[in-house]
Amino acid sequence: MREIVVCGEALVDVVAGAPVSRDGGRLPPLQPALGGGPFNVAITLGRLGSAVTLCSAVSTDNYGEAIVGALQASGVGTSLVQRRSESTSLALATIGPGGGAQYSFYVSGTADRTVADPGAFPATVAAVCFGTLSLVLEPGASVYEAVLRRSHEEGRLVVVDPNIRAAVIDDPDAYRRRFAAWVRSVDVVKLSDEDAAWLAEGPSGTGPDQWLEAGVVAVVTTAGADGITVRTATDIVSAPAPSVAVADTIGAGDSVLGGVLSKLDQLGALSPDAVRALGPDEWRKVAAFAGQVAAVTVGRPGADPPWAGELSTD
C-alpha cells in the first residue's frame, strides 16, 4: 500500500457571502465551514480513493471534534493528528461578485501552531505534502520544515503548495529566501499564477527556472479559468479548465493539488524516480484530471471536493 501524508493546518472558514452594509451597520450572515489548505487536500485525496493521513495538531474544542469527524467520514486517516487544548484557528472568507475569496486570519495561540514532530513515518508512506499557513506560522513552521527535509532524505516524494496568504507573512523577503531553500528538498511544486508572481518579487524572488535548476521535477501552475500548466526541465504541457458556473473558489487550488496527487497515485508515480520518468502525455493527464476535480469543487459552495464516483474516468 502506498500512503500519502498531508502535513499542515485544519481550521474553520467563516464565510461571509455578502458585502457589509455601510448605511445601517448590518452584517452579512456568516457560515462556518471546515477548511485549511492541507485539510482540504487530505479530504480530496480521501474522497478520490487514495490512502491518505493528515499530520496536524487539532483542537479538542467543538470545531476540532468536527474536523476529526469530517476527516474520518472522507476516508482520511487520523493516526497522526495530535489533539491540543488550544482553540481552532479561524479564517474569515469574504466572497466577491466573481466567486473569489479574500481572507483574514485569527491564528494567535491556536492549536495547529503547536504541532510536535511526529517522528518517523511508516515505511508505507510514499509521498508527503506540505503547504499554506503551516509553512509560515511558528513554531509549527520549523517543525514541518524539519519533516520536509527528513522526508526528502528518506527518498519519499515531497510536494509543496505555498498557497500564499500574504496577510500572515510578516517578512516577505525572508519567506522568499526560505522557500528558495526548501525547493532543494522538493519534487513537485504546485501553486497559482498569483503565488508565482508574489514569490518572484523582491531581491530574494525566484521562479520555476530556479526551482527546476535546484532539483524540482515539476512545477504545476493554476491560472483559474485559463487552466493548469505543468512545467518540467524538458517540457511544458497544459490542460484547459472545464467550463463551470462558479459558486465560489474556496478550496479550488487545494482540489487541484489533491487531484494531482491522486492521479500520480493512479499512475504508480508516488516516488521521485517515478515522477521524473513521466512524459508529457502523462503530465497532461495529471493536469486534466486535477482540473476536473477543481471544477466540481468551485461549482458548489465552500471547499466541498468531489468523490471519485462524481468524476468521469480516463
Protein backbone atom coordinates (compact mmCIF):
# COMPACT_ATOMS: atom_id res chain seq x y z
CA MET A 1 0.00 0.00 0.00
CA ARG A 2 1.30 3.46 -0.96
CA GLU A 3 0.22 6.09 1.52
CA ILE A 4 0.21 9.87 1.27
CA VAL A 5 0.70 12.04 4.35
CA VAL A 6 -0.57 15.62 4.16
CA CYS A 7 1.05 17.93 6.70
CA GLY A 8 -0.50 21.17 7.91
CA GLU A 9 -3.42 23.01 9.41
CA ALA A 10 -7.09 22.26 9.67
CA LEU A 11 -9.23 25.25 10.61
CA VAL A 12 -12.67 26.80 10.28
CA ASP A 13 -13.52 29.11 7.39
CA VAL A 14 -16.14 31.64 8.46
CA VAL A 15 -17.70 32.63 5.15
CA ALA A 16 -19.39 35.98 4.57
CA GLY A 17 -21.39 35.76 1.38
CA ALA A 18 -22.43 39.39 1.04
CA PRO A 19 -20.80 42.80 1.50
CA VAL A 20 -21.19 44.71 4.76
CA SER A 21 -23.90 47.36 4.59
CA ARG A 22 -22.39 50.82 5.18
CA ASP A 23 -25.64 52.63 5.83
CA GLY A 24 -27.34 50.66 8.57
CA GLY A 25 -24.43 48.79 10.16
CA ARG A 26 -25.91 45.47 9.11
CA LEU A 27 -23.59 42.50 8.79
CA PRO A 28 -23.97 39.67 6.30
CA PRO A 29 -24.79 36.23 7.64
CA LEU A 30 -21.74 34.13 8.49
CA GLN A 31 -21.49 30.44 7.68
CA PRO A 32 -18.77 28.33 9.33
CA ALA A 33 -17.19 25.62 7.19
CA LEU A 34 -14.27 23.30 7.84
CA GLY A 35 -11.17 24.13 5.85
CA GLY A 36 -7.47 24.90 5.74
CA GLY A 37 -5.37 24.07 2.69
CA PRO A 38 -3.85 20.80 3.97
CA PHE A 39 -7.19 19.66 5.41
CA ASN A 40 -8.85 20.27 2.01
CA VAL A 41 -6.09 18.38 0.18
CA ALA A 42 -6.43 15.42 2.52
CA ILE A 43 -10.23 15.38 2.17
CA THR A 44 -9.89 15.49 -1.63
CA LEU A 45 -7.47 12.57 -1.63
CA GLY A 46 -9.63 10.52 0.72
CA ARG A 47 -12.73 11.05 -1.38
CA LEU A 48 -10.85 10.13 -4.55
CA GLY A 49 -9.76 6.82 -3.04
CA SER A 50 -6.09 7.34 -2.13
CA ALA A 51 -4.70 6.08 1.15
CA VAL A 52 -4.09 9.34 3.00
CA THR A 53 -3.40 10.53 6.53
CA LEU A 54 -3.39 14.09 7.91
CA CYS A 55 -0.45 15.10 10.11
CA SER A 56 -1.55 18.10 12.17
CA ALA A 57 -2.39 19.46 15.61
CA VAL A 58 -6.15 19.79 16.10
CA SER A 59 -8.05 21.35 18.99
CA THR A 60 -10.20 19.37 21.40
CA ASP A 61 -12.90 22.08 21.12
CA ASN A 62 -16.15 21.50 19.24
CA TYR A 63 -14.66 22.62 15.93
CA GLY A 64 -11.75 20.23 16.43
CA GLU A 65 -14.15 17.37 17.02
CA ALA A 66 -15.94 18.29 13.78
CA ILE A 67 -12.59 18.37 11.92
CA VAL A 68 -11.67 14.86 13.06
CA GLY A 69 -15.15 13.57 12.23
CA ALA A 70 -15.03 15.07 8.74
CA LEU A 71 -11.61 13.56 8.06
CA GLN A 72 -12.78 10.11 9.06
CA ALA A 73 -16.01 10.43 7.05
CA SER A 74 -13.96 11.14 3.92
CA GLY A 75 -11.60 8.21 4.45
CA VAL A 76 -8.66 10.21 5.81
CA GLY A 77 -6.52 8.56 8.48
CA THR A 78 -6.14 10.44 11.78
CA SER A 79 -3.37 8.46 13.47
CA LEU A 80 -1.00 11.44 13.03
CA VAL A 81 -3.47 14.03 14.33
CA GLN A 82 -2.26 15.46 17.65
CA ARG A 83 -5.03 16.78 19.91
CA ARG A 84 -4.43 20.07 21.73
CA SER A 85 -6.37 22.15 24.26
CA GLU A 86 -5.78 25.41 22.37
CA SER A 87 -8.61 26.72 20.19
CA THR A 88 -9.15 26.12 16.47
CA SER A 89 -7.82 28.70 14.02
CA LEU A 90 -10.40 30.80 12.15
CA ALA A 91 -10.24 32.23 8.64
CA LEU A 92 -12.78 34.90 7.69
CA ALA A 93 -13.51 34.43 4.00
CA THR A 94 -15.38 37.15 2.11
CA ILE A 95 -16.79 36.13 -1.28
CA GLY A 96 -16.65 38.71 -4.06
CA PRO A 97 -19.00 39.10 -7.07
CA GLY A 98 -16.99 36.67 -9.21
CA GLY A 99 -16.84 33.98 -6.54
CA GLY A 100 -13.27 34.78 -5.46
CA ALA A 101 -12.46 34.69 -1.76
CA GLN A 102 -10.43 37.11 0.33
CA TYR A 103 -9.19 36.04 3.74
CA SER A 104 -8.26 37.40 7.14
CA PHE A 105 -6.97 35.07 9.84
CA TYR A 106 -7.33 34.60 13.59
CA VAL A 107 -4.46 32.30 14.46
CA SER A 108 -2.71 33.61 17.57
CA GLY A 109 -2.04 30.83 20.07
CA THR A 110 -4.19 28.28 18.24
CA ALA A 111 -3.83 24.50 18.26
CA ASP A 112 -2.31 23.94 14.82
CA ARG A 113 0.69 26.16 15.65
CA THR A 114 1.70 23.80 18.48
CA VAL A 115 2.33 20.72 16.33
CA ALA A 116 5.16 18.47 17.53
CA ASP A 117 7.48 16.47 15.32
CA PRO A 118 5.58 13.25 14.54
CA GLY A 119 8.76 11.18 14.32
CA ALA A 120 9.47 8.61 11.66
CA PHE A 121 6.66 7.84 9.23
CA PRO A 122 5.78 4.22 8.48
CA ALA A 123 7.54 2.58 5.54
CA THR A 124 4.21 2.58 3.67
CA VAL A 125 4.32 6.39 3.34
CA ALA A 126 5.44 7.13 -0.22
CA ALA A 127 4.62 10.84 -0.52
CA VAL A 128 4.45 13.79 1.88
CA CYS A 129 2.70 17.05 1.10
CA PHE A 130 3.06 20.48 2.77
CA GLY A 131 1.55 23.91 2.40
CA THR A 132 -0.33 27.09 3.33
CA LEU A 133 -0.28 28.65 6.83
CA SER A 134 1.62 25.75 8.39
CA LEU A 135 4.75 26.76 6.45
CA VAL A 136 4.52 30.33 7.80
CA LEU A 137 3.35 30.33 11.41
CA GLU A 138 5.89 29.44 14.06
CA PRO A 139 6.73 27.36 15.97
CA GLY A 140 4.93 24.83 13.77
CA ALA A 141 6.57 26.02 10.54
CA SER A 142 10.01 24.92 11.73
CA VAL A 143 8.61 21.53 12.73
CA TYR A 144 7.11 20.99 9.29
CA GLU A 145 10.31 22.19 7.63
CA ALA A 146 12.26 19.54 9.53
CA VAL A 147 9.75 16.87 8.44
CA LEU A 148 10.01 18.10 4.83
CA ARG A 149 13.79 17.82 4.77
CA ARG A 150 13.75 14.43 6.50
CA SER A 151 11.16 13.09 4.06
CA HIS A 152 13.37 14.13 1.15
CA GLU A 153 16.42 12.49 2.70
CA GLU A 154 14.42 9.28 3.17
CA GLY A 155 13.59 9.20 -0.55
CA ARG A 156 9.89 9.98 -0.27
CA LEU A 157 8.11 12.13 -2.85
CA VAL A 158 7.88 15.67 -1.43
CA VAL A 159 5.18 18.05 -2.69
CA VAL A 160 4.69 21.70 -1.65
CA ASP A 161 1.90 24.19 -2.32
CA PRO A 162 2.92 27.54 -0.77
CA ASN A 163 -0.67 28.81 -1.16
CA ILE A 164 0.49 32.31 -0.29
CA ARG A 165 -1.54 34.20 2.33
CA ALA A 166 0.33 37.50 2.38
CA ALA A 167 -1.65 38.80 5.36
CA VAL A 168 0.17 36.43 7.71
CA ILE A 169 3.68 36.79 6.23
CA ASP A 170 5.40 39.49 8.31
CA ASP A 171 8.66 39.44 6.33
CA PRO A 172 8.01 38.60 2.67
CA ASP A 173 11.68 38.67 1.69
CA ALA A 174 12.61 36.24 4.48
CA TYR A 175 9.81 33.90 3.40
CA ARG A 176 11.00 34.02 -0.21
CA ARG A 177 14.53 33.10 0.90
CA ARG A 178 13.15 30.26 2.98
CA PHE A 179 11.04 28.97 0.10
CA ALA A 180 14.07 29.04 -2.22
CA ALA A 181 15.92 26.88 0.32
CA TRP A 182 13.01 24.44 0.66
CA VAL A 183 12.81 23.66 -3.04
CA ARG A 184 16.14 21.84 -2.92
CA SER A 185 14.23 19.16 -0.99
CA VAL A 186 11.02 19.27 -3.07
CA ASP A 187 10.00 17.17 -6.08
CA VAL A 188 6.73 18.86 -7.11
CA VAL A 189 5.69 22.47 -6.57
CA LYS A 190 2.03 23.33 -7.10
CA LEU A 191 0.95 26.97 -6.96
CA SER A 192 -1.28 29.59 -8.55
CA ASP A 193 -0.06 32.12 -11.07
CA GLU A 194 -0.64 34.78 -8.38
CA ASP A 195 1.55 32.84 -5.94
CA ALA A 196 4.27 32.53 -8.59
CA ALA A 197 4.22 36.28 -9.22
CA TRP A 198 4.44 37.02 -5.48
CA LEU A 199 7.36 34.63 -4.98
CA ALA A 200 9.24 36.24 -7.88
CA GLU A 201 9.13 39.72 -6.32
CA GLY A 202 11.95 41.45 -4.48
CA PRO A 203 15.67 40.77 -4.15
CA SER A 204 15.10 37.18 -2.99
CA GLY A 205 12.45 36.36 -5.57
CA THR A 206 12.72 33.10 -7.52
CA GLY A 207 10.62 31.30 -10.09
CA PRO A 208 10.20 27.99 -11.94
CA ASP A 209 13.54 28.26 -13.75
CA GLN A 210 15.45 28.42 -10.47
CA TRP A 211 13.27 25.76 -8.83
CA LEU A 212 13.82 23.30 -11.66
CA GLU A 213 17.57 24.01 -11.57
CA ALA A 214 17.51 23.31 -7.82
CA GLY A 215 16.07 19.83 -8.43
CA VAL A 216 12.29 20.24 -8.55
CA VAL A 217 10.92 17.77 -11.09
CA ALA A 218 7.67 19.54 -11.96
CA VAL A 219 6.02 22.91 -11.35
CA VAL A 220 2.22 22.79 -11.60
CA THR A 221 0.68 26.23 -12.04
CA THR A 222 -3.02 27.09 -11.93
CA ALA A 223 -4.48 30.11 -13.70
CA GLY A 224 -8.17 29.97 -12.84
CA ALA A 225 -10.33 29.76 -15.93
CA ASP A 226 -7.19 29.61 -18.09
CA GLY A 227 -6.41 26.11 -16.85
CA ILE A 228 -3.37 24.28 -15.49
CA THR A 229 0.20 24.18 -16.80
CA VAL A 230 2.89 21.65 -15.87
CA ARG A 231 6.49 22.59 -16.46
CA THR A 232 9.43 20.19 -16.24
CA ALA A 233 13.06 20.58 -17.25
CA THR A 234 12.21 19.38 -20.78
CA ASP A 235 8.51 20.01 -21.38
CA ILE A 236 5.63 22.41 -20.85
CA VAL A 237 2.11 20.98 -21.12
CA SER A 238 -1.27 22.40 -20.23
CA ALA A 239 -4.91 21.45 -19.84
CA PRO A 240 -7.85 23.83 -20.19
CA ALA A 241 -10.17 24.46 -17.27
CA PRO A 242 -13.59 22.81 -17.69
CA SER A 243 -16.44 25.26 -18.14
CA VAL A 244 -18.44 25.61 -14.92
CA ALA A 245 -20.70 28.09 -13.17
CA VAL A 246 -18.60 29.21 -10.20
CA ALA A 247 -20.25 29.24 -6.79
CA ASP A 248 -17.01 30.29 -5.09
CA THR A 249 -13.31 29.47 -5.34
CA ILE A 250 -12.78 28.27 -1.75
CA GLY A 251 -10.64 25.14 -1.88
CA ALA A 252 -10.11 25.30 -5.65
CA GLY A 253 -6.32 25.16 -5.52
CA ASP A 254 -6.41 22.53 -2.79
CA SER A 255 -8.64 20.38 -5.01
CA VAL A 256 -6.13 20.77 -7.83
CA LEU A 257 -3.34 19.53 -5.58
CA GLY A 258 -5.46 16.65 -4.35
CA GLY A 259 -6.24 15.79 -7.95
CA VAL A 260 -2.56 15.93 -8.94
CA LEU A 261 -1.55 13.58 -6.12
CA SER A 262 -4.49 11.25 -6.78
CA LYS A 263 -3.58 10.93 -10.46
CA LEU A 264 0.10 10.36 -9.61
CA ASP A 265 -1.10 7.61 -7.26
CA GLN A 266 -3.22 6.07 -10.04
CA LEU A 267 -0.20 6.18 -12.38
CA GLY A 268 2.01 4.46 -9.80
CA ALA A 269 4.16 7.59 -9.61
CA LEU A 270 4.42 8.27 -5.89
CA SER A 271 8.21 8.37 -5.83
CA PRO A 272 10.81 10.88 -7.04
CA ASP A 273 12.11 8.49 -9.70
CA ALA A 274 8.63 7.64 -10.98
CA VAL A 275 7.65 11.30 -11.21
CA ARG A 276 10.91 12.06 -13.02
CA ALA A 277 10.08 9.34 -15.56
CA LEU A 278 6.69 10.81 -16.52
CA GLY A 279 6.44 12.18 -20.03
CA PRO A 280 4.29 15.00 -21.44
CA ASP A 281 1.31 12.73 -22.15
CA GLU A 282 1.18 11.59 -18.52
CA TRP A 283 1.55 15.13 -17.19
CA ARG A 284 -1.25 16.28 -19.48
CA LYS A 285 -3.47 13.59 -17.98
CA VAL A 286 -2.48 14.72 -14.49
CA ALA A 287 -3.37 18.34 -15.29
CA ALA A 288 -6.67 17.43 -16.96
CA PHE A 289 -7.76 15.24 -14.05
CA ALA A 290 -6.83 17.92 -11.49
CA GLY A 291 -8.85 20.47 -13.45
CA GLN A 292 -11.84 18.16 -13.47
CA VAL A 293 -11.62 17.75 -9.69
CA ALA A 294 -11.39 21.50 -9.12
CA ALA A 295 -14.31 22.21 -11.46
CA VAL A 296 -16.63 20.21 -9.22
CA THR A 297 -15.37 21.99 -6.12
CA VAL A 298 -15.84 25.53 -7.46
CA GLY A 299 -19.29 24.63 -8.74
CA ARG A 300 -20.67 24.31 -5.24
CA PRO A 301 -20.32 26.48 -2.13
CA GLY A 302 -17.36 26.02 0.19
CA ALA A 303 -14.49 23.57 -0.03
CA ASP A 304 -16.55 20.51 -0.98
CA PRO A 305 -14.39 18.36 -3.27
CA PRO A 306 -15.86 15.51 -5.29
CA TRP A 307 -15.99 11.81 -4.58
CA ALA A 308 -14.45 9.51 -7.17
CA GLY A 309 -17.87 8.46 -8.46
CA GLU A 310 -18.68 12.04 -9.45
CA LEU A 311 -15.85 12.18 -12.00
CA SER A 312 -15.59 10.76 -15.49
CA THR A 313 -12.93 8.08 -15.86
CA ASP A 314 -9.88 8.27 -18.14
